[in-house]
Amino acid sequence: MTTTTEATPTSDRELVLTRIIDAPPEKVFKAWTDPELLKQWFAPRPFTTPVAELDVRPGGANLIVMRDPQGNEHPNRGIYLEVVENERLVFTDAYTRAWEPSKKPFMTVILTFEDQGGKTKYTARARHWTVADREAHEKMGFHEGWGQCADQLEALLKAGT
């Protein structure tokens, strides 16, 4: 199971999750950037991820679809802002593709992958446009959902992926 470490939000619009994952940064990064791997762990079970289209480069678009147990699909579109291989990914839903503004921007995510002697200090920062958006995300279960996904990610990597 993933080890939880302390993480402090930098503002009243930010949610943070930090974990030590028993896998090196390059494997954790790959699980975020390889569509077939992402589909296996991204959504908190019993949700699934049937679609993951990832153009992992600054300005590249992504489409990740989560499916709930009732079969409803929840598409999430975004754009990568920064990609530093094995170290950092930054993406936002403020744009949907080719710099087209989204109807309702919600957050920018900053992921960091820090080497801890063969393990990874994994930090996910979700920076929201408003305090109300941050509060809504927290009520949706940010810590529980992202924590469960971190556990699923680690389990996948331990299984030899």
N, C-alpha and C. Protein backbone atom coordinates (compact mmCIF):
# COMPACT_ATOMS: atom_id res chain seq x y z
N MET A 1 0.84 -1.19 0.00
CA MET A 1 0.00 0.00 0.00
C MET A 1 0.88 1.24 0.00
N THR A 2 0.41 2.27 -0.62
CA THR A 2 1.14 3.52 -0.75
C THR A 2 1.27 4.21 0.61
N THR A 3 2.40 4.82 0.84
CA THR A 3 2.63 5.56 2.08
C THR A 3 2.21 7.01 1.87
N THR A 4 1.44 7.54 2.81
CA THR A 4 1.02 8.94 2.73
C THR A 4 2.06 9.81 3.41
N THR A 5 2.39 10.94 2.80
CA THR A 5 3.28 11.91 3.41
C THR A 5 2.55 13.24 3.49
N GLU A 6 3.11 14.16 4.21
CA GLU A 6 2.47 15.47 4.40
C GLU A 6 2.58 16.31 3.13
N ALA A 7 1.53 17.04 2.85
CA ALA A 7 1.52 17.98 1.73
C ALA A 7 0.66 19.16 2.14
N THR A 8 1.16 20.35 1.86
CA THR A 8 0.45 21.55 2.26
C THR A 8 -0.01 22.32 1.03
N PRO A 9 -1.30 22.65 0.97
CA PRO A 9 -1.77 23.50 -0.13
C PRO A 9 -1.09 24.87 -0.08
N THR A 10 -0.90 25.46 -1.26
CA THR A 10 -0.26 26.78 -1.32
C THR A 10 -1.27 27.91 -1.34
N SER A 11 -2.57 27.56 -1.46
CA SER A 11 -3.62 28.59 -1.45
C SER A 11 -4.94 27.95 -1.05
N ASP A 12 -5.97 28.79 -0.89
CA ASP A 12 -7.29 28.29 -0.52
C ASP A 12 -8.03 27.72 -1.74
N ARG A 13 -7.37 27.68 -2.89
CA ARG A 13 -7.97 27.10 -4.10
C ARG A 13 -7.27 25.81 -4.51
N GLU A 14 -6.41 25.27 -3.65
CA GLU A 14 -5.60 24.11 -4.02
C GLU A 14 -5.88 22.91 -3.11
N LEU A 15 -5.92 21.74 -3.73
CA LEU A 15 -5.96 20.46 -3.01
C LEU A 15 -4.69 19.71 -3.36
N VAL A 16 -4.12 19.01 -2.38
CA VAL A 16 -2.84 18.33 -2.60
C VAL A 16 -2.90 16.91 -2.06
N LEU A 17 -2.32 16.00 -2.81
CA LEU A 17 -2.14 14.62 -2.37
C LEU A 17 -0.68 14.26 -2.61
N THR A 18 -0.01 13.75 -1.58
CA THR A 18 1.37 13.31 -1.73
C THR A 18 1.47 11.88 -1.20
N ARG A 19 2.16 11.05 -1.94
CA ARG A 19 2.36 9.65 -1.57
C ARG A 19 3.78 9.22 -1.93
N ILE A 20 4.26 8.23 -1.22
CA ILE A 20 5.48 7.55 -1.64
C ILE A 20 5.01 6.27 -2.33
N ILE A 21 5.33 6.15 -3.60
CA ILE A 21 4.92 4.99 -4.40
C ILE A 21 6.14 4.10 -4.61
N ASP A 22 5.97 2.81 -4.36
CA ASP A 22 7.05 1.85 -4.45
C ASP A 22 7.33 1.47 -5.90
N ALA A 23 7.82 2.45 -6.64
CA ALA A 23 8.21 2.29 -8.04
C ALA A 23 9.03 3.51 -8.41
N PRO A 24 9.97 3.37 -9.33
CA PRO A 24 10.79 4.52 -9.73
C PRO A 24 9.99 5.55 -10.53
N PRO A 25 10.44 6.81 -10.53
CA PRO A 25 9.71 7.88 -11.23
C PRO A 25 9.40 7.59 -12.69
N GLU A 26 10.33 6.92 -13.41
CA GLU A 26 10.07 6.68 -14.83
C GLU A 26 8.87 5.76 -15.03
N LYS A 27 8.64 4.83 -14.11
CA LYS A 27 7.46 3.95 -14.24
C LYS A 27 6.18 4.69 -13.88
N VAL A 28 6.24 5.55 -12.87
CA VAL A 28 5.05 6.32 -12.48
C VAL A 28 4.69 7.29 -13.60
N PHE A 29 5.70 7.96 -14.15
CA PHE A 29 5.47 8.89 -15.27
C PHE A 29 4.86 8.15 -16.46
N LYS A 30 5.40 6.98 -16.78
CA LYS A 30 4.89 6.21 -17.92
C LYS A 30 3.43 5.82 -17.70
N ALA A 31 3.07 5.48 -16.45
CA ALA A 31 1.68 5.11 -16.17
C ALA A 31 0.73 6.28 -16.37
N TRP A 32 1.24 7.50 -16.28
CA TRP A 32 0.44 8.71 -16.54
C TRP A 32 0.42 9.08 -18.03
N THR A 33 1.37 8.57 -18.82
CA THR A 33 1.51 9.04 -20.20
C THR A 33 1.27 7.97 -21.25
N ASP A 34 1.14 6.71 -20.85
CA ASP A 34 0.83 5.62 -21.76
C ASP A 34 -0.67 5.34 -21.65
N PRO A 35 -1.44 5.57 -22.72
CA PRO A 35 -2.90 5.42 -22.63
C PRO A 35 -3.35 4.05 -22.13
N GLU A 36 -2.70 2.99 -22.57
CA GLU A 36 -3.13 1.65 -22.15
C GLU A 36 -2.89 1.42 -20.66
N LEU A 37 -1.82 1.97 -20.13
CA LEU A 37 -1.57 1.87 -18.69
C LEU A 37 -2.56 2.74 -17.91
N LEU A 38 -2.76 3.97 -18.38
CA LEU A 38 -3.66 4.90 -17.69
C LEU A 38 -5.06 4.31 -17.54
N LYS A 39 -5.54 3.64 -18.57
CA LYS A 39 -6.88 3.04 -18.52
C LYS A 39 -7.02 2.03 -17.38
N GLN A 40 -5.91 1.43 -16.96
CA GLN A 40 -5.96 0.36 -15.97
C GLN A 40 -6.06 0.85 -14.53
N TRP A 41 -5.74 2.13 -14.27
CA TRP A 41 -5.72 2.58 -12.87
C TRP A 41 -6.37 3.93 -12.63
N PHE A 42 -6.65 4.71 -13.65
CA PHE A 42 -6.97 6.12 -13.49
C PHE A 42 -8.24 6.44 -12.71
N ALA A 43 -9.30 5.69 -12.90
CA ALA A 43 -10.56 5.99 -12.23
C ALA A 43 -10.71 5.16 -10.96
N PRO A 44 -11.23 5.77 -9.88
CA PRO A 44 -11.43 4.98 -8.66
C PRO A 44 -12.51 3.91 -8.88
N ARG A 45 -12.15 2.66 -8.62
CA ARG A 45 -13.11 1.57 -8.80
C ARG A 45 -14.32 1.77 -7.90
N PRO A 46 -15.52 1.49 -8.38
CA PRO A 46 -15.86 0.66 -9.53
C PRO A 46 -15.96 1.42 -10.85
N PHE A 47 -15.57 2.69 -10.92
CA PHE A 47 -15.50 3.41 -12.19
C PHE A 47 -14.42 2.75 -13.05
N THR A 48 -14.54 2.92 -14.36
CA THR A 48 -13.53 2.44 -15.30
C THR A 48 -13.11 3.59 -16.20
N THR A 49 -12.06 3.36 -16.97
CA THR A 49 -11.56 4.36 -17.92
C THR A 49 -11.49 3.70 -19.29
N PRO A 50 -12.59 3.73 -20.06
CA PRO A 50 -12.59 3.06 -21.36
C PRO A 50 -11.83 3.82 -22.46
N VAL A 51 -11.64 5.13 -22.28
CA VAL A 51 -10.98 5.94 -23.31
C VAL A 51 -9.89 6.78 -22.67
N ALA A 52 -8.70 6.72 -23.28
CA ALA A 52 -7.59 7.60 -22.89
C ALA A 52 -6.83 7.95 -24.16
N GLU A 53 -7.03 9.17 -24.63
CA GLU A 53 -6.32 9.68 -25.80
C GLU A 53 -5.37 10.77 -25.29
N LEU A 54 -4.07 10.52 -25.39
CA LEU A 54 -3.08 11.40 -24.78
C LEU A 54 -2.04 11.84 -25.81
N ASP A 55 -1.96 13.13 -26.06
CA ASP A 55 -0.92 13.72 -26.90
C ASP A 55 0.00 14.46 -25.93
N VAL A 56 0.93 13.70 -25.33
CA VAL A 56 1.73 14.21 -24.21
C VAL A 56 2.88 15.08 -24.71
N ARG A 57 2.59 16.36 -24.82
CA ARG A 57 3.57 17.39 -25.20
C ARG A 57 2.94 18.72 -24.85
N PRO A 58 3.72 19.76 -24.59
CA PRO A 58 3.11 21.06 -24.31
C PRO A 58 2.20 21.47 -25.46
N GLY A 59 0.95 21.78 -25.15
CA GLY A 59 -0.04 22.13 -26.15
C GLY A 59 -0.83 20.94 -26.67
N GLY A 60 -0.39 19.73 -26.35
CA GLY A 60 -1.09 18.53 -26.79
C GLY A 60 -2.36 18.31 -25.98
N ALA A 61 -3.37 17.78 -26.66
CA ALA A 61 -4.67 17.58 -26.01
C ALA A 61 -4.77 16.18 -25.42
N ASN A 62 -5.67 16.05 -24.45
CA ASN A 62 -6.01 14.73 -23.94
C ASN A 62 -7.52 14.63 -23.79
N LEU A 63 -7.99 13.39 -23.88
CA LEU A 63 -9.38 13.06 -23.61
C LEU A 63 -9.36 11.79 -22.77
N ILE A 64 -9.89 11.90 -21.57
CA ILE A 64 -10.00 10.76 -20.68
C ILE A 64 -11.47 10.62 -20.31
N VAL A 65 -12.02 9.45 -20.57
CA VAL A 65 -13.42 9.20 -20.27
C VAL A 65 -13.51 8.21 -19.12
N MET A 66 -14.21 8.62 -18.06
CA MET A 66 -14.49 7.72 -16.95
C MET A 66 -15.93 7.23 -17.09
N ARG A 67 -16.15 5.95 -16.80
CA ARG A 67 -17.49 5.37 -16.87
C ARG A 67 -17.90 4.91 -15.47
N ASP A 68 -19.08 5.36 -15.02
CA ASP A 68 -19.56 4.96 -13.70
C ASP A 68 -20.23 3.59 -13.78
N PRO A 69 -20.54 2.98 -12.64
CA PRO A 69 -21.11 1.64 -12.64
C PRO A 69 -22.45 1.53 -13.38
N GLN A 70 -23.17 2.64 -13.54
CA GLN A 70 -24.43 2.64 -14.27
C GLN A 70 -24.24 2.78 -15.78
N GLY A 71 -22.99 2.94 -16.22
CA GLY A 71 -22.70 3.07 -17.64
C GLY A 71 -22.65 4.49 -18.16
N ASN A 72 -22.84 5.47 -17.29
CA ASN A 72 -22.74 6.88 -17.70
C ASN A 72 -21.28 7.24 -17.92
N GLU A 73 -21.03 7.96 -18.99
CA GLU A 73 -19.65 8.35 -19.30
C GLU A 73 -19.42 9.81 -18.92
N HIS A 74 -18.22 10.06 -18.37
CA HIS A 74 -17.83 11.39 -17.91
C HIS A 74 -16.53 11.77 -18.63
N PRO A 75 -16.66 12.48 -19.78
CA PRO A 75 -15.46 12.85 -20.53
C PRO A 75 -14.74 14.03 -19.88
N ASN A 76 -13.43 13.96 -19.88
CA ASN A 76 -12.58 15.04 -19.36
C ASN A 76 -11.58 15.39 -20.45
N ARG A 77 -11.66 16.63 -20.93
CA ARG A 77 -10.74 17.10 -21.97
C ARG A 77 -9.77 18.10 -21.35
N GLY A 78 -8.58 18.14 -21.90
CA GLY A 78 -7.62 19.11 -21.41
C GLY A 78 -6.44 19.26 -22.35
N ILE A 79 -5.52 20.08 -21.90
CA ILE A 79 -4.30 20.40 -22.64
C ILE A 79 -3.11 20.27 -21.68
N TYR A 80 -2.02 19.68 -22.19
CA TYR A 80 -0.78 19.65 -21.41
C TYR A 80 -0.09 21.00 -21.54
N LEU A 81 0.32 21.54 -20.42
CA LEU A 81 1.02 22.83 -20.40
C LEU A 81 2.53 22.63 -20.28
N GLU A 82 2.93 21.61 -19.52
CA GLU A 82 4.36 21.35 -19.30
C GLU A 82 4.56 19.85 -19.19
N VAL A 83 5.61 19.36 -19.84
CA VAL A 83 5.96 17.95 -19.78
C VAL A 83 7.47 17.86 -19.58
N VAL A 84 7.89 17.37 -18.42
CA VAL A 84 9.30 17.12 -18.15
C VAL A 84 9.40 15.63 -17.84
N GLU A 85 9.92 14.87 -18.79
CA GLU A 85 9.92 13.42 -18.69
C GLU A 85 10.44 12.92 -17.35
N ASN A 86 9.66 12.03 -16.74
CA ASN A 86 9.96 11.38 -15.47
C ASN A 86 10.01 12.31 -14.26
N GLU A 87 9.65 13.60 -14.45
CA GLU A 87 9.72 14.56 -13.34
C GLU A 87 8.43 15.32 -13.10
N ARG A 88 7.76 15.74 -14.17
CA ARG A 88 6.65 16.67 -13.98
C ARG A 88 5.69 16.65 -15.17
N LEU A 89 4.39 16.72 -14.85
CA LEU A 89 3.33 16.90 -15.85
C LEU A 89 2.41 17.99 -15.34
N VAL A 90 2.05 18.92 -16.22
CA VAL A 90 1.09 19.97 -15.87
C VAL A 90 0.03 19.99 -16.97
N PHE A 91 -1.23 19.89 -16.56
CA PHE A 91 -2.32 19.94 -17.54
C PHE A 91 -3.50 20.69 -16.96
N THR A 92 -4.35 21.17 -17.85
CA THR A 92 -5.51 21.96 -17.44
C THR A 92 -6.72 21.62 -18.29
N ASP A 93 -7.88 21.83 -17.70
CA ASP A 93 -9.12 21.69 -18.48
C ASP A 93 -9.62 23.06 -18.95
N ALA A 94 -8.78 24.08 -18.83
CA ALA A 94 -9.16 25.42 -19.28
C ALA A 94 -9.28 25.47 -20.80
N TYR A 95 -8.58 24.55 -21.47
CA TYR A 95 -8.66 24.42 -22.92
C TYR A 95 -9.05 22.99 -23.23
N THR A 96 -9.74 22.80 -24.35
CA THR A 96 -10.17 21.47 -24.73
C THR A 96 -9.25 20.85 -25.78
N ARG A 97 -8.83 21.64 -26.76
CA ARG A 97 -7.87 21.21 -27.78
C ARG A 97 -7.49 22.44 -28.59
N ALA A 98 -6.28 22.39 -29.13
CA ALA A 98 -5.80 23.47 -30.00
C ALA A 98 -6.11 24.86 -29.45
N TRP A 99 -5.97 25.01 -28.15
CA TRP A 99 -6.15 26.28 -27.46
C TRP A 99 -7.58 26.81 -27.55
N GLU A 100 -8.55 25.89 -27.67
CA GLU A 100 -9.95 26.27 -27.62
C GLU A 100 -10.38 26.32 -26.16
N PRO A 101 -10.85 27.48 -25.68
CA PRO A 101 -11.27 27.56 -24.28
C PRO A 101 -12.43 26.61 -23.97
N SER A 102 -12.39 26.02 -22.80
CA SER A 102 -13.50 25.15 -22.38
C SER A 102 -14.66 26.01 -21.90
N LYS A 103 -15.83 25.42 -21.81
CA LYS A 103 -17.01 26.16 -21.36
C LYS A 103 -16.91 26.52 -19.89
N LYS A 104 -16.31 25.64 -19.09
CA LYS A 104 -16.21 25.90 -17.64
C LYS A 104 -14.89 25.34 -17.13
N PRO A 105 -13.83 26.14 -17.12
CA PRO A 105 -12.58 25.64 -16.57
C PRO A 105 -12.75 25.34 -15.09
N PHE A 106 -12.12 24.26 -14.65
CA PHE A 106 -12.27 23.80 -13.27
C PHE A 106 -10.93 23.79 -12.54
N MET A 107 -9.87 23.23 -13.19
CA MET A 107 -8.61 23.12 -12.48
C MET A 107 -7.42 22.96 -13.41
N THR A 108 -6.27 23.19 -12.82
CA THR A 108 -4.98 22.86 -13.41
C THR A 108 -4.33 21.88 -12.46
N VAL A 109 -3.75 20.81 -13.01
CA VAL A 109 -3.11 19.78 -12.19
C VAL A 109 -1.61 19.84 -12.42
N ILE A 110 -0.87 19.83 -11.32
CA ILE A 110 0.59 19.78 -11.37
C ILE A 110 1.01 18.49 -10.68
N LEU A 111 1.60 17.58 -11.46
CA LEU A 111 2.09 16.32 -10.92
C LEU A 111 3.60 16.35 -10.89
N THR A 112 4.18 15.95 -9.76
CA THR A 112 5.63 15.84 -9.69
C THR A 112 5.99 14.42 -9.25
N PHE A 113 7.11 13.95 -9.78
CA PHE A 113 7.60 12.59 -9.54
C PHE A 113 9.06 12.73 -9.08
N GLU A 114 9.30 12.63 -7.77
CA GLU A 114 10.65 12.83 -7.22
C GLU A 114 11.25 11.51 -6.79
N ASP A 115 12.47 11.24 -7.29
CA ASP A 115 13.15 9.99 -6.95
C ASP A 115 13.48 9.94 -5.46
N GLN A 116 13.12 8.83 -4.85
CA GLN A 116 13.40 8.58 -3.44
C GLN A 116 14.11 7.23 -3.31
N GLY A 117 15.23 7.08 -4.01
CA GLY A 117 16.00 5.84 -3.94
C GLY A 117 15.26 4.64 -4.49
N GLY A 118 14.70 4.76 -5.69
CA GLY A 118 13.97 3.67 -6.32
C GLY A 118 12.47 3.74 -6.10
N LYS A 119 12.05 4.59 -5.20
CA LYS A 119 10.64 4.86 -4.99
C LYS A 119 10.37 6.26 -5.52
N THR A 120 9.11 6.67 -5.53
CA THR A 120 8.75 7.98 -6.05
C THR A 120 7.92 8.75 -5.04
N LYS A 121 8.36 9.97 -4.74
CA LYS A 121 7.49 10.89 -4.02
C LYS A 121 6.60 11.51 -5.09
N TYR A 122 5.33 11.12 -5.02
CA TYR A 122 4.33 11.51 -6.02
C TYR A 122 3.46 12.58 -5.39
N THR A 123 3.43 13.75 -6.02
CA THR A 123 2.60 14.85 -5.51
C THR A 123 1.67 15.31 -6.62
N ALA A 124 0.39 15.36 -6.28
CA ALA A 124 -0.64 15.86 -7.20
C ALA A 124 -1.24 17.12 -6.59
N ARG A 125 -1.09 18.23 -7.28
CA ARG A 125 -1.67 19.50 -6.85
C ARG A 125 -2.78 19.88 -7.82
N ALA A 126 -3.98 20.01 -7.31
CA ALA A 126 -5.11 20.44 -8.14
C ALA A 126 -5.41 21.88 -7.76
N ARG A 127 -5.11 22.79 -8.68
CA ARG A 127 -5.34 24.22 -8.46
C ARG A 127 -6.61 24.62 -9.19
N HIS A 128 -7.57 25.11 -8.43
CA HIS A 128 -8.90 25.41 -8.95
C HIS A 128 -9.05 26.89 -9.25
N TRP A 129 -9.99 27.21 -10.15
CA TRP A 129 -10.21 28.59 -10.56
C TRP A 129 -10.83 29.39 -9.42
N THR A 130 -11.65 28.74 -8.61
CA THR A 130 -12.32 29.45 -7.52
C THR A 130 -12.30 28.60 -6.26
N VAL A 131 -12.53 29.24 -5.11
CA VAL A 131 -12.65 28.51 -3.85
C VAL A 131 -13.85 27.57 -3.92
N ALA A 132 -14.93 28.01 -4.55
CA ALA A 132 -16.12 27.15 -4.69
C ALA A 132 -15.79 25.89 -5.48
N ASP A 133 -14.97 26.00 -6.53
CA ASP A 133 -14.56 24.82 -7.29
C ASP A 133 -13.73 23.89 -6.42
N ARG A 134 -12.82 24.45 -5.63
CA ARG A 134 -12.00 23.62 -4.73
C ARG A 134 -12.89 22.91 -3.73
N GLU A 135 -13.84 23.63 -3.15
CA GLU A 135 -14.74 23.02 -2.17
C GLU A 135 -15.58 21.92 -2.82
N ALA A 136 -16.05 22.15 -4.04
CA ALA A 136 -16.84 21.14 -4.75
C ALA A 136 -16.00 19.88 -5.00
N HIS A 137 -14.74 20.06 -5.40
CA HIS A 137 -13.85 18.94 -5.69
C HIS A 137 -13.57 18.16 -4.40
N GLU A 138 -13.39 18.88 -3.31
CA GLU A 138 -13.17 18.23 -2.02
C GLU A 138 -14.39 17.40 -1.63
N LYS A 139 -15.58 17.96 -1.81
CA LYS A 139 -16.83 17.25 -1.48
C LYS A 139 -17.05 16.05 -2.40
N MET A 140 -16.55 16.13 -3.65
CA MET A 140 -16.65 14.99 -4.57
C MET A 140 -15.76 13.84 -4.10
N GLY A 141 -14.85 14.12 -3.18
CA GLY A 141 -13.97 13.08 -2.67
C GLY A 141 -12.58 13.10 -3.27
N PHE A 142 -12.03 14.30 -3.47
CA PHE A 142 -10.68 14.40 -4.05
C PHE A 142 -9.68 13.50 -3.33
N HIS A 143 -9.54 13.65 -2.02
CA HIS A 143 -8.52 12.89 -1.29
C HIS A 143 -8.77 11.39 -1.35
N GLU A 144 -10.01 10.98 -1.17
CA GLU A 144 -10.33 9.56 -1.22
C GLU A 144 -10.13 9.01 -2.64
N GLY A 145 -10.68 9.70 -3.63
CA GLY A 145 -10.60 9.22 -5.02
C GLY A 145 -9.18 9.22 -5.56
N TRP A 146 -8.48 10.33 -5.39
CA TRP A 146 -7.10 10.38 -5.88
C TRP A 146 -6.21 9.44 -5.07
N GLY A 147 -6.52 9.26 -3.78
CA GLY A 147 -5.77 8.31 -2.96
C GLY A 147 -5.99 6.89 -3.44
N GLN A 148 -7.24 6.53 -3.72
CA GLN A 148 -7.54 5.19 -4.24
C GLN A 148 -6.84 4.97 -5.57
N CYS A 149 -6.84 5.97 -6.42
CA CYS A 149 -6.17 5.85 -7.72
C CYS A 149 -4.66 5.68 -7.53
N ALA A 150 -4.07 6.38 -6.57
CA ALA A 150 -2.64 6.21 -6.29
C ALA A 150 -2.37 4.77 -5.84
N ASP A 151 -3.25 4.21 -5.04
CA ASP A 151 -3.11 2.80 -4.62
C ASP A 151 -3.21 1.88 -5.83
N GLN A 152 -4.18 2.14 -6.72
CA GLN A 152 -4.35 1.32 -7.93
C GLN A 152 -3.13 1.45 -8.84
N LEU A 153 -2.59 2.66 -8.94
CA LEU A 153 -1.39 2.90 -9.74
C LEU A 153 -0.23 2.07 -9.20
N GLU A 154 -0.01 2.13 -7.89
CA GLU A 154 1.09 1.38 -7.29
C GLU A 154 0.90 -0.12 -7.49
N ALA A 155 -0.31 -0.62 -7.30
CA ALA A 155 -0.59 -2.04 -7.46
C ALA A 155 -0.28 -2.49 -8.90
N LEU A 156 -0.66 -1.66 -9.88
CA LEU A 156 -0.37 -1.97 -11.27
C LEU A 156 1.14 -2.07 -11.51
N LEU A 157 1.87 -1.10 -10.96
CA LEU A 157 3.32 -1.08 -11.16
C LEU A 157 4.00 -2.24 -10.44
N LYS A 158 3.51 -2.61 -9.28
CA LYS A 158 4.08 -3.75 -8.55
C LYS A 158 3.81 -5.06 -9.28
N ALA A 159 2.73 -5.10 -10.05
CA ALA A 159 2.36 -6.31 -10.79
C ALA A 159 3.31 -6.52 -11.99
N GLY A 160 4.21 -5.57 -12.19
CA GLY A 160 5.23 -5.76 -13.23
C GLY A 160 5.04 -4.95 -14.48
N THR A 161 4.15 -3.99 -14.46
CA THR A 161 3.94 -3.17 -15.65
C THR A 161 5.04 -2.14 -15.80
